Amino acid sequence: MTRVWQHVGWRGLYLILFGATFILLGIDPPETRPVYTVAEMVMPLWAWARAFQLAGLVAFVAGAFVRSPKMVGFAALQVVSSFWGIGALVSAVVLDVPEAKASTGMVWLLVSVAILCVANLIEPVVAAAAVPQAPEGWRDAVRG
């Protein structure tokens, strides 16, 4: 279990969890509503759903199977969440869409900032003392 944890680490676990979340977010694309005006100007909502799923899959794979660096997973999550947040914010503030709320855009931009913060953390190294090892010279003691 220690080997698996050394391979995945905290940042990898974060990528696995956020990757799974983004995959689930993309399963059911949102219905066309005025709040998604800017998002639909960029690409159709079904394409946004696939972008969320692709970003989630990249993050999940990077977290679970890539030893280091895991930056591609963080970048995928950050790009999608940033663009979605900017679109929601522009719909609410600039275009003044009645249904849109600035808080939705701010939440997605804060998610993007959280992803950036975790991406820039240094993965803690598991100390060799944490892994059980035989005392030095044990072979000589056993042989007599």
N, C-alpha and C. Protein backbone atom coordinates (compact mmCIF):
# COMPACT_ATOMS: atom_id res chain seq x y z
N MET A 1 0.82 -1.19 0.00
CA MET A 1 0.00 0.00 0.00
C MET A 1 0.87 1.26 0.00
N THR A 2 2.01 1.18 0.67
CA THR A 2 2.90 2.34 0.71
C THR A 2 3.39 2.68 -0.68
N ARG A 3 3.67 1.66 -1.50
CA ARG A 3 4.14 1.92 -2.86
C ARG A 3 3.08 2.65 -3.68
N VAL A 4 1.83 2.22 -3.54
CA VAL A 4 0.74 2.86 -4.27
C VAL A 4 0.62 4.31 -3.83
N TRP A 5 0.69 4.54 -2.52
CA TRP A 5 0.57 5.90 -2.00
C TRP A 5 1.74 6.77 -2.48
N GLN A 6 2.95 6.22 -2.52
CA GLN A 6 4.10 6.98 -3.01
C GLN A 6 3.91 7.34 -4.48
N HIS A 7 3.27 6.46 -5.22
CA HIS A 7 3.05 6.70 -6.65
C HIS A 7 1.96 7.75 -6.87
N VAL A 8 0.85 7.66 -6.15
CA VAL A 8 -0.28 8.56 -6.35
C VAL A 8 -0.06 9.87 -5.60
N GLY A 9 0.11 9.82 -4.31
CA GLY A 9 0.31 11.01 -3.49
C GLY A 9 -0.95 11.85 -3.34
N TRP A 10 -0.82 12.94 -2.59
CA TRP A 10 -1.96 13.82 -2.34
C TRP A 10 -2.43 14.51 -3.60
N ARG A 11 -1.49 14.99 -4.40
CA ARG A 11 -1.86 15.69 -5.63
C ARG A 11 -2.53 14.73 -6.61
N GLY A 12 -2.06 13.50 -6.66
CA GLY A 12 -2.68 12.51 -7.52
C GLY A 12 -4.09 12.18 -7.06
N LEU A 13 -4.27 12.07 -5.74
CA LEU A 13 -5.60 11.82 -5.20
C LEU A 13 -6.55 12.96 -5.54
N TYR A 14 -6.06 14.18 -5.45
CA TYR A 14 -6.85 15.37 -5.82
C TYR A 14 -7.26 15.28 -7.29
N LEU A 15 -6.33 14.89 -8.15
CA LEU A 15 -6.65 14.75 -9.57
C LEU A 15 -7.66 13.64 -9.82
N ILE A 16 -7.53 12.53 -9.11
CA ILE A 16 -8.48 11.43 -9.27
C ILE A 16 -9.88 11.88 -8.87
N LEU A 17 -10.00 12.55 -7.72
CA LEU A 17 -11.31 12.99 -7.25
C LEU A 17 -11.92 14.06 -8.15
N PHE A 18 -11.14 15.07 -8.51
CA PHE A 18 -11.67 16.11 -9.39
C PHE A 18 -11.92 15.57 -10.80
N GLY A 19 -11.08 14.66 -11.26
CA GLY A 19 -11.30 14.05 -12.56
C GLY A 19 -12.61 13.30 -12.60
N ALA A 20 -12.87 12.51 -11.55
CA ALA A 20 -14.15 11.78 -11.48
C ALA A 20 -15.32 12.74 -11.41
N THR A 21 -15.16 13.84 -10.69
CA THR A 21 -16.23 14.84 -10.60
C THR A 21 -16.51 15.47 -11.96
N PHE A 22 -15.48 15.82 -12.69
CA PHE A 22 -15.67 16.44 -14.01
C PHE A 22 -16.29 15.43 -14.99
N ILE A 23 -15.91 14.17 -14.89
CA ILE A 23 -16.52 13.14 -15.75
C ILE A 23 -18.02 13.06 -15.46
N LEU A 24 -18.38 13.07 -14.18
CA LEU A 24 -19.80 13.01 -13.81
C LEU A 24 -20.54 14.28 -14.24
N LEU A 25 -19.89 15.43 -14.16
CA LEU A 25 -20.53 16.68 -14.60
C LEU A 25 -20.86 16.64 -16.09
N GLY A 26 -20.03 15.96 -16.86
CA GLY A 26 -20.24 15.92 -18.30
C GLY A 26 -21.20 14.86 -18.78
N ILE A 27 -21.68 14.00 -17.88
CA ILE A 27 -22.58 12.92 -18.31
C ILE A 27 -23.90 13.48 -18.84
N ASP A 28 -24.44 14.47 -18.16
CA ASP A 28 -25.73 15.02 -18.55
C ASP A 28 -25.55 16.48 -18.95
N PRO A 29 -25.46 16.77 -20.26
CA PRO A 29 -25.25 18.16 -20.67
C PRO A 29 -26.42 19.05 -20.25
N PRO A 30 -26.14 20.29 -19.88
CA PRO A 30 -27.23 21.17 -19.47
C PRO A 30 -28.16 21.51 -20.64
N GLU A 31 -29.39 21.82 -20.31
CA GLU A 31 -30.34 22.22 -21.34
C GLU A 31 -30.08 23.67 -21.72
N THR A 32 -30.43 24.02 -22.94
CA THR A 32 -30.22 25.39 -23.41
C THR A 32 -31.06 26.35 -22.58
N ARG A 33 -30.39 27.30 -21.98
CA ARG A 33 -31.04 28.35 -21.21
C ARG A 33 -30.28 29.64 -21.45
N PRO A 34 -30.91 30.77 -21.17
CA PRO A 34 -30.21 32.05 -21.40
C PRO A 34 -28.93 32.21 -20.60
N VAL A 35 -28.84 31.52 -19.45
CA VAL A 35 -27.66 31.64 -18.61
C VAL A 35 -26.40 31.13 -19.32
N TYR A 36 -26.57 30.24 -20.31
CA TYR A 36 -25.44 29.67 -21.03
C TYR A 36 -25.17 30.39 -22.35
N THR A 37 -25.57 31.64 -22.46
CA THR A 37 -25.43 32.38 -23.70
C THR A 37 -23.99 32.41 -24.20
N VAL A 38 -23.08 32.80 -23.35
CA VAL A 38 -21.68 32.92 -23.76
C VAL A 38 -21.09 31.54 -24.05
N ALA A 39 -21.40 30.57 -23.22
CA ALA A 39 -20.88 29.22 -23.44
C ALA A 39 -21.32 28.69 -24.80
N GLU A 40 -22.57 28.95 -25.17
CA GLU A 40 -23.07 28.47 -26.46
C GLU A 40 -22.49 29.26 -27.63
N MET A 41 -22.02 30.47 -27.38
CA MET A 41 -21.35 31.22 -28.44
C MET A 41 -20.01 30.56 -28.80
N VAL A 42 -19.38 29.95 -27.80
CA VAL A 42 -18.08 29.31 -28.01
C VAL A 42 -18.26 27.95 -28.68
N MET A 43 -19.14 27.12 -28.13
CA MET A 43 -19.42 25.80 -28.70
C MET A 43 -20.72 25.27 -28.10
N PRO A 44 -21.36 24.30 -28.75
CA PRO A 44 -22.62 23.77 -28.22
C PRO A 44 -22.45 23.15 -26.83
N LEU A 45 -23.54 23.09 -26.10
CA LEU A 45 -23.47 22.58 -24.72
C LEU A 45 -23.07 21.10 -24.67
N TRP A 46 -23.45 20.32 -25.67
CA TRP A 46 -23.01 18.92 -25.67
C TRP A 46 -21.49 18.84 -25.80
N ALA A 47 -20.90 19.79 -26.55
CA ALA A 47 -19.44 19.82 -26.68
C ALA A 47 -18.79 20.24 -25.36
N TRP A 48 -19.44 21.14 -24.62
CA TRP A 48 -18.93 21.51 -23.30
C TRP A 48 -18.94 20.29 -22.38
N ALA A 49 -20.02 19.51 -22.48
CA ALA A 49 -20.11 18.30 -21.64
C ALA A 49 -18.96 17.35 -21.97
N ARG A 50 -18.66 17.19 -23.25
CA ARG A 50 -17.55 16.31 -23.64
C ARG A 50 -16.21 16.90 -23.21
N ALA A 51 -16.10 18.23 -23.23
CA ALA A 51 -14.86 18.88 -22.77
C ALA A 51 -14.64 18.62 -21.28
N PHE A 52 -15.72 18.70 -20.49
CA PHE A 52 -15.62 18.39 -19.06
C PHE A 52 -15.21 16.93 -18.87
N GLN A 53 -15.81 16.03 -19.64
CA GLN A 53 -15.46 14.61 -19.50
C GLN A 53 -14.03 14.34 -19.93
N LEU A 54 -13.59 14.95 -21.01
CA LEU A 54 -12.21 14.76 -21.47
C LEU A 54 -11.22 15.29 -20.44
N ALA A 55 -11.49 16.47 -19.91
CA ALA A 55 -10.61 17.04 -18.88
C ALA A 55 -10.59 16.14 -17.65
N GLY A 56 -11.75 15.62 -17.27
CA GLY A 56 -11.82 14.71 -16.13
C GLY A 56 -11.05 13.43 -16.37
N LEU A 57 -11.16 12.89 -17.58
CA LEU A 57 -10.44 11.66 -17.91
C LEU A 57 -8.93 11.89 -17.90
N VAL A 58 -8.49 13.00 -18.48
CA VAL A 58 -7.06 13.32 -18.48
C VAL A 58 -6.55 13.47 -17.04
N ALA A 59 -7.33 14.17 -16.20
CA ALA A 59 -6.92 14.37 -14.81
C ALA A 59 -6.90 13.04 -14.05
N PHE A 60 -7.91 12.21 -14.27
CA PHE A 60 -7.97 10.92 -13.59
C PHE A 60 -6.78 10.05 -13.96
N VAL A 61 -6.48 9.98 -15.24
CA VAL A 61 -5.35 9.16 -15.70
C VAL A 61 -4.03 9.72 -15.17
N ALA A 62 -3.89 11.06 -15.22
CA ALA A 62 -2.65 11.67 -14.70
C ALA A 62 -2.49 11.41 -13.22
N GLY A 63 -3.58 11.47 -12.47
CA GLY A 63 -3.50 11.25 -11.03
C GLY A 63 -3.23 9.80 -10.67
N ALA A 64 -3.82 8.88 -11.42
CA ALA A 64 -3.71 7.47 -11.05
C ALA A 64 -2.48 6.78 -11.65
N PHE A 65 -2.08 7.18 -12.85
CA PHE A 65 -1.07 6.38 -13.55
C PHE A 65 0.22 7.11 -13.89
N VAL A 66 0.22 8.43 -13.88
CA VAL A 66 1.44 9.18 -14.20
C VAL A 66 2.17 9.47 -12.90
N ARG A 67 3.42 9.08 -12.87
CA ARG A 67 4.18 9.27 -11.63
C ARG A 67 4.49 10.75 -11.41
N SER A 68 5.08 11.39 -12.37
CA SER A 68 5.42 12.81 -12.25
C SER A 68 5.90 13.29 -13.59
N PRO A 69 5.64 14.46 -14.02
CA PRO A 69 4.78 15.48 -13.43
C PRO A 69 3.32 15.25 -13.78
N LYS A 70 2.46 15.72 -12.94
CA LYS A 70 1.02 15.53 -13.13
C LYS A 70 0.37 16.81 -13.67
N MET A 71 1.18 17.71 -14.18
CA MET A 71 0.68 19.03 -14.58
C MET A 71 -0.34 18.97 -15.71
N VAL A 72 -0.27 17.98 -16.58
CA VAL A 72 -1.22 17.91 -17.68
C VAL A 72 -2.63 17.72 -17.13
N GLY A 73 -2.79 16.97 -16.06
CA GLY A 73 -4.09 16.78 -15.44
C GLY A 73 -4.63 18.06 -14.84
N PHE A 74 -3.76 18.78 -14.14
CA PHE A 74 -4.18 20.06 -13.57
C PHE A 74 -4.52 21.07 -14.65
N ALA A 75 -3.74 21.10 -15.71
CA ALA A 75 -4.00 22.03 -16.81
C ALA A 75 -5.35 21.76 -17.46
N ALA A 76 -5.67 20.49 -17.69
CA ALA A 76 -6.95 20.14 -18.30
C ALA A 76 -8.12 20.62 -17.45
N LEU A 77 -8.04 20.37 -16.15
CA LEU A 77 -9.11 20.81 -15.25
C LEU A 77 -9.22 22.32 -15.21
N GLN A 78 -8.07 22.98 -15.18
CA GLN A 78 -8.07 24.43 -15.04
C GLN A 78 -8.61 25.13 -16.28
N VAL A 79 -8.26 24.64 -17.45
CA VAL A 79 -8.73 25.27 -18.69
C VAL A 79 -10.25 25.23 -18.76
N VAL A 80 -10.82 24.06 -18.55
CA VAL A 80 -12.28 23.92 -18.67
C VAL A 80 -13.00 24.75 -17.61
N SER A 81 -12.56 24.67 -16.36
CA SER A 81 -13.24 25.42 -15.30
C SER A 81 -13.08 26.93 -15.47
N SER A 82 -11.93 27.37 -15.96
CA SER A 82 -11.72 28.81 -16.18
C SER A 82 -12.63 29.34 -17.28
N PHE A 83 -12.68 28.64 -18.40
CA PHE A 83 -13.53 29.11 -19.50
C PHE A 83 -15.01 29.08 -19.12
N TRP A 84 -15.42 28.03 -18.41
CA TRP A 84 -16.82 27.94 -17.98
C TRP A 84 -17.14 29.07 -17.01
N GLY A 85 -16.23 29.37 -16.08
CA GLY A 85 -16.44 30.46 -15.13
C GLY A 85 -16.46 31.82 -15.79
N ILE A 86 -15.56 32.04 -16.74
CA ILE A 86 -15.54 33.32 -17.46
C ILE A 86 -16.84 33.50 -18.25
N GLY A 87 -17.30 32.43 -18.90
CA GLY A 87 -18.54 32.50 -19.66
C GLY A 87 -19.73 32.84 -18.77
N ALA A 88 -19.79 32.21 -17.60
CA ALA A 88 -20.89 32.49 -16.67
C ALA A 88 -20.81 33.91 -16.14
N LEU A 89 -19.61 34.38 -15.87
CA LEU A 89 -19.44 35.74 -15.35
C LEU A 89 -19.80 36.79 -16.41
N VAL A 90 -19.37 36.56 -17.64
CA VAL A 90 -19.70 37.49 -18.72
C VAL A 90 -21.21 37.51 -18.98
N SER A 91 -21.86 36.35 -18.93
CA SER A 91 -23.31 36.30 -19.12
C SER A 91 -24.03 37.13 -18.06
N ALA A 92 -23.55 37.08 -16.83
CA ALA A 92 -24.21 37.78 -15.74
C ALA A 92 -23.89 39.27 -15.70
N VAL A 93 -22.63 39.60 -15.88
CA VAL A 93 -22.20 40.99 -15.66
C VAL A 93 -22.25 41.82 -16.94
N VAL A 94 -21.69 41.32 -18.01
CA VAL A 94 -21.58 42.11 -19.24
C VAL A 94 -22.88 42.07 -20.04
N LEU A 95 -23.40 40.87 -20.29
CA LEU A 95 -24.62 40.73 -21.10
C LEU A 95 -25.89 40.94 -20.29
N ASP A 96 -25.79 40.94 -18.98
CA ASP A 96 -26.91 41.17 -18.08
C ASP A 96 -28.08 40.21 -18.35
N VAL A 97 -27.75 38.95 -18.51
CA VAL A 97 -28.77 37.92 -18.71
C VAL A 97 -29.53 37.78 -17.39
N PRO A 98 -30.88 37.90 -17.43
CA PRO A 98 -31.65 37.90 -16.18
C PRO A 98 -31.46 36.65 -15.33
N GLU A 99 -31.33 35.50 -15.96
CA GLU A 99 -31.20 34.23 -15.23
C GLU A 99 -29.80 34.00 -14.67
N ALA A 100 -28.83 34.66 -15.25
CA ALA A 100 -27.42 34.41 -14.88
C ALA A 100 -27.08 35.09 -13.56
N LYS A 101 -26.21 34.43 -12.80
CA LYS A 101 -25.75 34.99 -11.53
C LYS A 101 -24.23 35.08 -11.56
N ALA A 102 -23.73 36.21 -11.11
CA ALA A 102 -22.27 36.40 -11.08
C ALA A 102 -21.62 35.40 -10.13
N SER A 103 -22.34 34.98 -9.11
CA SER A 103 -21.76 34.05 -8.14
C SER A 103 -21.42 32.71 -8.78
N THR A 104 -22.18 32.28 -9.78
CA THR A 104 -21.87 31.02 -10.47
C THR A 104 -20.52 31.11 -11.15
N GLY A 105 -20.30 32.22 -11.86
CA GLY A 105 -19.00 32.43 -12.51
C GLY A 105 -17.87 32.52 -11.51
N MET A 106 -18.13 33.20 -10.39
CA MET A 106 -17.09 33.34 -9.37
C MET A 106 -16.74 31.99 -8.74
N VAL A 107 -17.75 31.15 -8.52
CA VAL A 107 -17.48 29.83 -7.95
C VAL A 107 -16.59 29.02 -8.88
N TRP A 108 -16.90 29.03 -10.18
CA TRP A 108 -16.07 28.27 -11.13
C TRP A 108 -14.67 28.85 -11.24
N LEU A 109 -14.54 30.16 -11.14
CA LEU A 109 -13.20 30.75 -11.17
C LEU A 109 -12.44 30.42 -9.89
N LEU A 110 -13.12 30.33 -8.76
CA LEU A 110 -12.47 29.91 -7.52
C LEU A 110 -12.05 28.44 -7.58
N VAL A 111 -12.85 27.61 -8.24
CA VAL A 111 -12.45 26.22 -8.45
C VAL A 111 -11.16 26.19 -9.26
N SER A 112 -11.09 27.03 -10.28
CA SER A 112 -9.89 27.11 -11.11
C SER A 112 -8.67 27.56 -10.29
N VAL A 113 -8.87 28.52 -9.40
CA VAL A 113 -7.77 28.98 -8.54
C VAL A 113 -7.34 27.88 -7.58
N ALA A 114 -8.30 27.13 -7.04
CA ALA A 114 -7.96 26.02 -6.15
C ALA A 114 -7.14 24.97 -6.88
N ILE A 115 -7.51 24.69 -8.12
CA ILE A 115 -6.74 23.73 -8.93
C ILE A 115 -5.33 24.25 -9.15
N LEU A 116 -5.20 25.54 -9.44
CA LEU A 116 -3.87 26.15 -9.63
C LEU A 116 -3.04 26.05 -8.36
N CYS A 117 -3.65 26.31 -7.22
CA CYS A 117 -2.92 26.25 -5.94
C CYS A 117 -2.41 24.84 -5.66
N VAL A 118 -3.26 23.84 -5.84
CA VAL A 118 -2.83 22.47 -5.58
C VAL A 118 -1.78 22.04 -6.60
N ALA A 119 -1.91 22.50 -7.84
CA ALA A 119 -0.94 22.14 -8.88
C ALA A 119 0.46 22.64 -8.53
N ASN A 120 0.54 23.75 -7.83
CA ASN A 120 1.84 24.33 -7.50
C ASN A 120 2.39 23.87 -6.16
N LEU A 121 1.67 23.02 -5.46
CA LEU A 121 2.21 22.46 -4.22
C LEU A 121 3.28 21.42 -4.55
N ILE A 122 4.23 21.31 -3.67
CA ILE A 122 5.25 20.29 -3.84
C ILE A 122 4.74 19.02 -3.19
N GLU A 123 4.83 17.92 -3.93
CA GLU A 123 4.37 16.63 -3.40
C GLU A 123 5.28 16.23 -2.24
N PRO A 124 4.71 16.01 -1.05
CA PRO A 124 5.56 15.60 0.07
C PRO A 124 6.16 14.23 -0.19
N VAL A 125 7.40 14.08 0.17
CA VAL A 125 8.11 12.82 -0.02
C VAL A 125 7.89 11.96 1.22
N VAL A 126 7.49 10.73 1.00
CA VAL A 126 7.31 9.81 2.12
C VAL A 126 8.71 9.42 2.61
N ALA A 127 8.96 9.68 3.86
CA ALA A 127 10.29 9.40 4.42
C ALA A 127 10.55 7.91 4.43
N ALA A 128 11.81 7.57 4.28
CA ALA A 128 12.20 6.16 4.29
C ALA A 128 11.87 5.53 5.64
N ALA A 129 11.85 6.34 6.70
CA ALA A 129 11.55 5.81 8.03
C ALA A 129 10.09 5.36 8.13
N ALA A 130 9.24 5.89 7.26
CA ALA A 130 7.82 5.51 7.30
C ALA A 130 7.61 4.11 6.73
N VAL A 131 8.54 3.65 5.94
CA VAL A 131 8.45 2.30 5.36
C VAL A 131 9.21 1.35 6.26
N PRO A 132 8.56 0.30 6.76
CA PRO A 132 9.25 -0.63 7.67
C PRO A 132 10.44 -1.29 6.98
N GLN A 133 11.57 -1.28 7.66
CA GLN A 133 12.78 -1.89 7.13
C GLN A 133 13.47 -2.69 8.23
N ALA A 134 14.19 -3.70 7.81
CA ALA A 134 14.94 -4.50 8.77
C ALA A 134 16.12 -3.69 9.30
N PRO A 135 16.51 -3.92 10.55
CA PRO A 135 17.65 -3.20 11.09
C PRO A 135 18.94 -3.54 10.34
N GLU A 136 19.84 -2.60 10.31
CA GLU A 136 21.09 -2.80 9.60
C GLU A 136 21.90 -3.91 10.27
N GLY A 137 22.49 -4.76 9.47
CA GLY A 137 23.30 -5.85 9.98
C GLY A 137 22.51 -7.09 10.36
N TRP A 138 21.26 -7.15 10.00
CA TRP A 138 20.43 -8.29 10.38
C TRP A 138 20.89 -9.59 9.71
N ARG A 139 21.44 -9.48 8.49
CA ARG A 139 21.91 -10.68 7.81
C ARG A 139 23.08 -11.32 8.57
N ASP A 140 24.00 -10.50 9.03
CA ASP A 140 25.15 -11.02 9.79
C ASP A 140 24.69 -11.67 11.09
N ALA A 141 23.69 -11.10 11.73
CA ALA A 141 23.20 -11.64 12.99
C ALA A 141 22.51 -12.99 12.78
N VAL A 142 21.82 -13.14 11.65
CA VAL A 142 21.11 -14.39 11.37
C VAL A 142 22.10 -15.49 11.01
N ARG A 143 23.14 -15.15 10.25
CA ARG A 143 24.12 -16.16 9.82
C ARG A 143 25.01 -16.62 10.98
N GLY A 144 25.09 -15.79 11.96
CA GLY A 144 25.83 -16.21 13.14
C GLY A 144 27.19 -15.76 13.14
